[in-house]
């Protein structure tokens, strides 16, 4: 699978949503969350990607923290985290 390190939610149809790009390694995504640097959770869904908004408002260009939990193709639970840059 791939997890982008940046995205541009500018409605141009390219790289507008931050999501895990599956390629067969992730069997089941069980949790996908995004946080501000101060620790506030701003996204928590598994069936869609994050569009850079919180409570309907586009957030500022900044670095955000993501955490993903999933079951891999070997039926093992994995927990990964990293950062993503929201660009405007």
N, C-alpha and C. Protein backbone atom coordinates (compact mmCIF):
# COMPACT_ATOMS: atom_id res chain seq x y z
N UNK A 1 0.84 -1.18 0.00
CA UNK A 1 0.00 0.00 0.00
C UNK A 1 0.88 1.23 0.00
N UNK A 2 0.28 2.35 -0.30
CA UNK A 2 1.01 3.60 -0.32
C UNK A 2 0.26 4.63 0.51
N UNK A 3 1.03 5.46 1.18
CA UNK A 3 0.44 6.56 1.92
C UNK A 3 1.15 7.83 1.46
N UNK A 4 0.46 8.72 0.79
CA UNK A 4 1.10 9.95 0.30
C UNK A 4 1.62 10.79 1.45
N UNK A 5 2.65 11.61 1.18
CA UNK A 5 3.17 12.50 2.22
C UNK A 5 2.66 13.92 2.05
N UNK A 6 1.87 14.17 0.99
CA UNK A 6 1.29 15.50 0.76
C UNK A 6 0.05 15.35 -0.12
N UNK A 7 -0.85 16.33 -0.02
CA UNK A 7 -2.00 16.38 -0.91
C UNK A 7 -2.46 17.82 -1.07
N UNK A 8 -3.23 18.07 -2.12
CA UNK A 8 -3.65 19.43 -2.47
C UNK A 8 -5.16 19.47 -2.67
N UNK A 9 -5.92 19.68 -1.61
CA UNK A 9 -7.39 19.68 -1.72
C UNK A 9 -7.93 20.97 -2.34
N UNK A 10 -7.66 21.14 -3.64
CA UNK A 10 -8.06 22.37 -4.32
C UNK A 10 -9.12 22.14 -5.40
N UNK A 11 -9.76 20.99 -5.37
CA UNK A 11 -10.87 20.65 -6.27
C UNK A 11 -10.49 20.63 -7.74
N UNK A 12 -9.22 20.32 -8.04
CA UNK A 12 -8.81 20.22 -9.44
C UNK A 12 -8.92 18.78 -9.97
N UNK A 13 -9.33 17.86 -9.10
CA UNK A 13 -9.49 16.48 -9.50
C UNK A 13 -8.22 15.65 -9.40
N UNK A 14 -7.14 16.24 -8.92
CA UNK A 14 -5.86 15.53 -8.78
C UNK A 14 -5.35 15.66 -7.35
N UNK A 15 -5.19 14.54 -6.68
CA UNK A 15 -4.59 14.54 -5.34
C UNK A 15 -5.37 15.41 -4.35
N UNK A 16 -6.71 15.42 -4.47
CA UNK A 16 -7.55 16.27 -3.62
C UNK A 16 -7.87 15.66 -2.27
N UNK A 17 -7.68 14.35 -2.13
CA UNK A 17 -8.07 13.64 -0.91
C UNK A 17 -6.89 12.82 -0.41
N UNK A 18 -6.66 12.86 0.90
CA UNK A 18 -5.60 12.07 1.53
C UNK A 18 -6.20 10.74 1.96
N UNK A 19 -5.64 9.65 1.43
CA UNK A 19 -6.15 8.32 1.76
C UNK A 19 -5.04 7.30 1.58
N UNK A 20 -5.25 6.14 2.17
CA UNK A 20 -4.35 5.01 1.96
C UNK A 20 -4.69 4.40 0.61
N UNK A 21 -3.68 4.25 -0.22
CA UNK A 21 -3.86 3.64 -1.54
C UNK A 21 -3.51 2.17 -1.40
N UNK A 22 -4.51 1.33 -1.47
CA UNK A 22 -4.31 -0.11 -1.26
C UNK A 22 -3.81 -0.79 -2.53
N UNK A 23 -2.95 -1.78 -2.33
CA UNK A 23 -2.44 -2.56 -3.46
C UNK A 23 -2.44 -4.05 -3.14
N UNK A 24 -3.32 -4.47 -2.24
CA UNK A 24 -3.40 -5.88 -1.89
C UNK A 24 -2.79 -6.22 -0.54
N UNK A 25 -1.95 -5.33 0.02
CA UNK A 25 -1.34 -5.61 1.31
C UNK A 25 -2.33 -5.40 2.45
N UNK A 26 -3.13 -4.35 2.35
CA UNK A 26 -4.13 -4.07 3.38
C UNK A 26 -5.38 -4.88 3.07
N UNK A 27 -5.72 -5.79 3.98
CA UNK A 27 -6.92 -6.61 3.80
C UNK A 27 -8.15 -5.85 4.29
N UNK A 28 -8.07 -5.31 5.50
CA UNK A 28 -9.18 -4.57 6.09
C UNK A 28 -8.64 -3.38 6.87
N UNK A 29 -9.05 -2.19 6.49
CA UNK A 29 -8.70 -0.99 7.24
C UNK A 29 -9.66 -0.90 8.42
N UNK A 30 -9.13 -0.87 9.64
CA UNK A 30 -9.99 -0.85 10.83
C UNK A 30 -10.08 0.52 11.48
N UNK A 31 -9.11 1.40 11.20
CA UNK A 31 -9.13 2.74 11.77
C UNK A 31 -8.21 3.64 10.95
N UNK A 32 -8.68 4.85 10.64
CA UNK A 32 -7.86 5.83 9.93
C UNK A 32 -8.21 7.20 10.49
N UNK A 33 -7.26 7.79 11.21
CA UNK A 33 -7.49 9.05 11.89
C UNK A 33 -6.43 10.07 11.50
N UNK A 34 -6.82 11.36 11.54
CA UNK A 34 -5.89 12.46 11.29
C UNK A 34 -6.01 13.43 12.45
N UNK A 35 -4.85 13.94 12.89
CA UNK A 35 -4.77 14.84 14.04
C UNK A 35 -3.98 16.10 13.68
N UNK A 36 -4.28 17.18 14.40
CA UNK A 36 -3.43 18.37 14.31
C UNK A 36 -2.15 18.10 15.09
N UNK A 37 -1.17 18.98 14.93
CA UNK A 37 0.08 18.82 15.67
C UNK A 37 -0.13 18.94 17.18
N UNK A 38 -1.20 19.61 17.59
CA UNK A 38 -1.49 19.75 19.02
C UNK A 38 -2.27 18.56 19.57
N UNK A 39 -2.63 17.60 18.69
CA UNK A 39 -3.28 16.38 19.15
C UNK A 39 -4.79 16.33 19.01
N UNK A 40 -5.40 17.32 18.39
CA UNK A 40 -6.85 17.31 18.20
C UNK A 40 -7.20 16.42 17.00
N UNK A 41 -8.09 15.44 17.23
CA UNK A 41 -8.52 14.58 16.14
C UNK A 41 -9.46 15.35 15.22
N UNK A 42 -9.15 15.37 13.92
CA UNK A 42 -9.94 16.13 12.97
C UNK A 42 -10.57 15.25 11.89
N UNK A 43 -10.20 13.96 11.86
CA UNK A 43 -10.77 13.04 10.88
C UNK A 43 -10.73 11.64 11.46
N UNK A 44 -11.84 10.89 11.30
CA UNK A 44 -11.91 9.52 11.81
C UNK A 44 -12.94 8.74 10.99
N UNK A 45 -12.49 8.20 9.86
CA UNK A 45 -13.38 7.40 9.01
C UNK A 45 -12.54 6.34 8.33
N UNK A 46 -13.17 5.24 7.97
CA UNK A 46 -12.43 4.20 7.26
C UNK A 46 -12.93 4.01 5.83
N UNK A 47 -14.07 4.59 5.50
CA UNK A 47 -14.65 4.35 4.19
C UNK A 47 -14.41 5.47 3.18
N UNK A 48 -13.66 6.49 3.57
CA UNK A 48 -13.35 7.58 2.65
C UNK A 48 -12.08 8.28 3.12
N UNK A 49 -11.49 9.06 2.24
CA UNK A 49 -10.29 9.80 2.60
C UNK A 49 -10.61 11.16 3.18
N UNK A 50 -9.57 11.83 3.66
CA UNK A 50 -9.72 13.15 4.27
C UNK A 50 -9.55 14.23 3.20
N UNK A 51 -10.49 15.16 3.14
CA UNK A 51 -10.47 16.22 2.12
C UNK A 51 -9.86 17.52 2.62
N UNK A 52 -9.21 17.50 3.79
CA UNK A 52 -8.58 18.70 4.33
C UNK A 52 -9.51 19.58 5.14
N UNK A 53 -10.71 19.10 5.37
CA UNK A 53 -11.69 19.91 6.11
C UNK A 53 -11.91 19.35 7.52
N UNK A 54 -12.29 20.27 8.40
CA UNK A 54 -12.73 19.89 9.74
C UNK A 54 -13.99 20.70 10.02
N UNK A 55 -15.07 20.02 10.36
CA UNK A 55 -16.37 20.65 10.64
C UNK A 55 -16.80 21.54 9.47
N UNK A 56 -16.50 21.10 8.24
CA UNK A 56 -16.93 21.82 7.05
C UNK A 56 -16.02 22.94 6.60
N UNK A 57 -14.98 23.24 7.36
CA UNK A 57 -14.07 24.34 7.03
C UNK A 57 -12.72 23.79 6.58
N UNK A 58 -12.22 24.32 5.45
CA UNK A 58 -10.90 23.93 4.96
C UNK A 58 -9.83 24.40 5.94
N UNK A 59 -8.96 23.48 6.32
CA UNK A 59 -7.90 23.82 7.26
C UNK A 59 -6.73 24.47 6.55
N UNK A 60 -5.86 25.08 7.34
CA UNK A 60 -4.68 25.76 6.80
C UNK A 60 -3.67 24.77 6.27
N UNK A 61 -2.84 25.25 5.34
CA UNK A 61 -1.70 24.46 4.88
C UNK A 61 -0.82 24.21 6.10
N UNK A 62 -0.51 22.94 6.36
CA UNK A 62 0.25 22.58 7.55
C UNK A 62 0.57 21.09 7.49
N UNK A 63 1.32 20.64 8.47
CA UNK A 63 1.62 19.22 8.63
C UNK A 63 0.61 18.64 9.61
N UNK A 64 0.04 17.49 9.25
CA UNK A 64 -0.93 16.80 10.09
C UNK A 64 -0.45 15.38 10.34
N UNK A 65 -0.89 14.79 11.43
CA UNK A 65 -0.46 13.45 11.84
C UNK A 65 -1.57 12.46 11.52
N UNK A 66 -1.21 11.34 10.92
CA UNK A 66 -2.18 10.29 10.63
C UNK A 66 -1.82 9.02 11.39
N UNK A 67 -2.84 8.25 11.71
CA UNK A 67 -2.68 6.95 12.37
C UNK A 67 -3.63 5.97 11.68
N UNK A 68 -3.10 4.83 11.29
CA UNK A 68 -3.91 3.82 10.61
C UNK A 68 -3.73 2.47 11.29
N UNK A 69 -4.81 1.77 11.49
CA UNK A 69 -4.81 0.39 11.98
C UNK A 69 -5.47 -0.46 10.91
N UNK A 70 -4.88 -1.61 10.63
CA UNK A 70 -5.44 -2.46 9.60
C UNK A 70 -5.01 -3.90 9.79
N UNK A 71 -5.72 -4.79 9.12
CA UNK A 71 -5.35 -6.20 9.07
C UNK A 71 -4.70 -6.41 7.71
N UNK A 72 -3.48 -6.96 7.72
CA UNK A 72 -2.76 -7.12 6.46
C UNK A 72 -3.15 -8.43 5.77
N UNK A 73 -2.55 -8.66 4.61
CA UNK A 73 -2.91 -9.83 3.80
C UNK A 73 -2.56 -11.14 4.49
N UNK A 74 -1.71 -11.09 5.54
CA UNK A 74 -1.36 -12.28 6.32
C UNK A 74 -2.22 -12.42 7.57
N UNK A 75 -3.31 -11.63 7.64
CA UNK A 75 -4.24 -11.61 8.78
C UNK A 75 -3.59 -11.16 10.08
N UNK A 76 -2.59 -10.29 9.99
CA UNK A 76 -1.94 -9.72 11.16
C UNK A 76 -2.37 -8.26 11.31
N UNK A 77 -2.62 -7.86 12.57
CA UNK A 77 -2.98 -6.47 12.86
C UNK A 77 -1.73 -5.60 12.78
N UNK A 78 -1.83 -4.45 12.11
CA UNK A 78 -0.72 -3.50 12.03
C UNK A 78 -1.21 -2.13 12.45
N UNK A 79 -0.29 -1.34 12.98
CA UNK A 79 -0.55 0.03 13.43
C UNK A 79 0.57 0.89 12.86
N UNK A 80 0.22 1.84 12.01
CA UNK A 80 1.21 2.72 11.42
C UNK A 80 0.81 4.17 11.65
N UNK A 81 1.81 5.04 11.67
CA UNK A 81 1.53 6.47 11.79
C UNK A 81 2.58 7.25 11.02
N UNK A 82 2.24 8.49 10.73
CA UNK A 82 3.16 9.35 10.00
C UNK A 82 2.58 10.74 9.89
N UNK A 83 3.14 11.52 8.98
CA UNK A 83 2.67 12.88 8.78
C UNK A 83 2.30 13.08 7.31
N UNK A 84 1.43 14.05 7.10
CA UNK A 84 1.04 14.44 5.75
C UNK A 84 1.00 15.96 5.70
N UNK A 85 1.43 16.50 4.57
CA UNK A 85 1.43 17.94 4.37
C UNK A 85 0.23 18.34 3.53
N UNK A 86 -0.62 19.20 4.09
CA UNK A 86 -1.74 19.76 3.34
C UNK A 86 -1.21 21.01 2.64
N UNK A 87 -1.24 21.00 1.32
CA UNK A 87 -0.78 22.13 0.51
C UNK A 87 -1.97 22.84 -0.10
N UNK A 88 -1.82 24.12 -0.32
CA UNK A 88 -2.89 24.88 -0.99
C UNK A 88 -2.35 25.49 -2.26
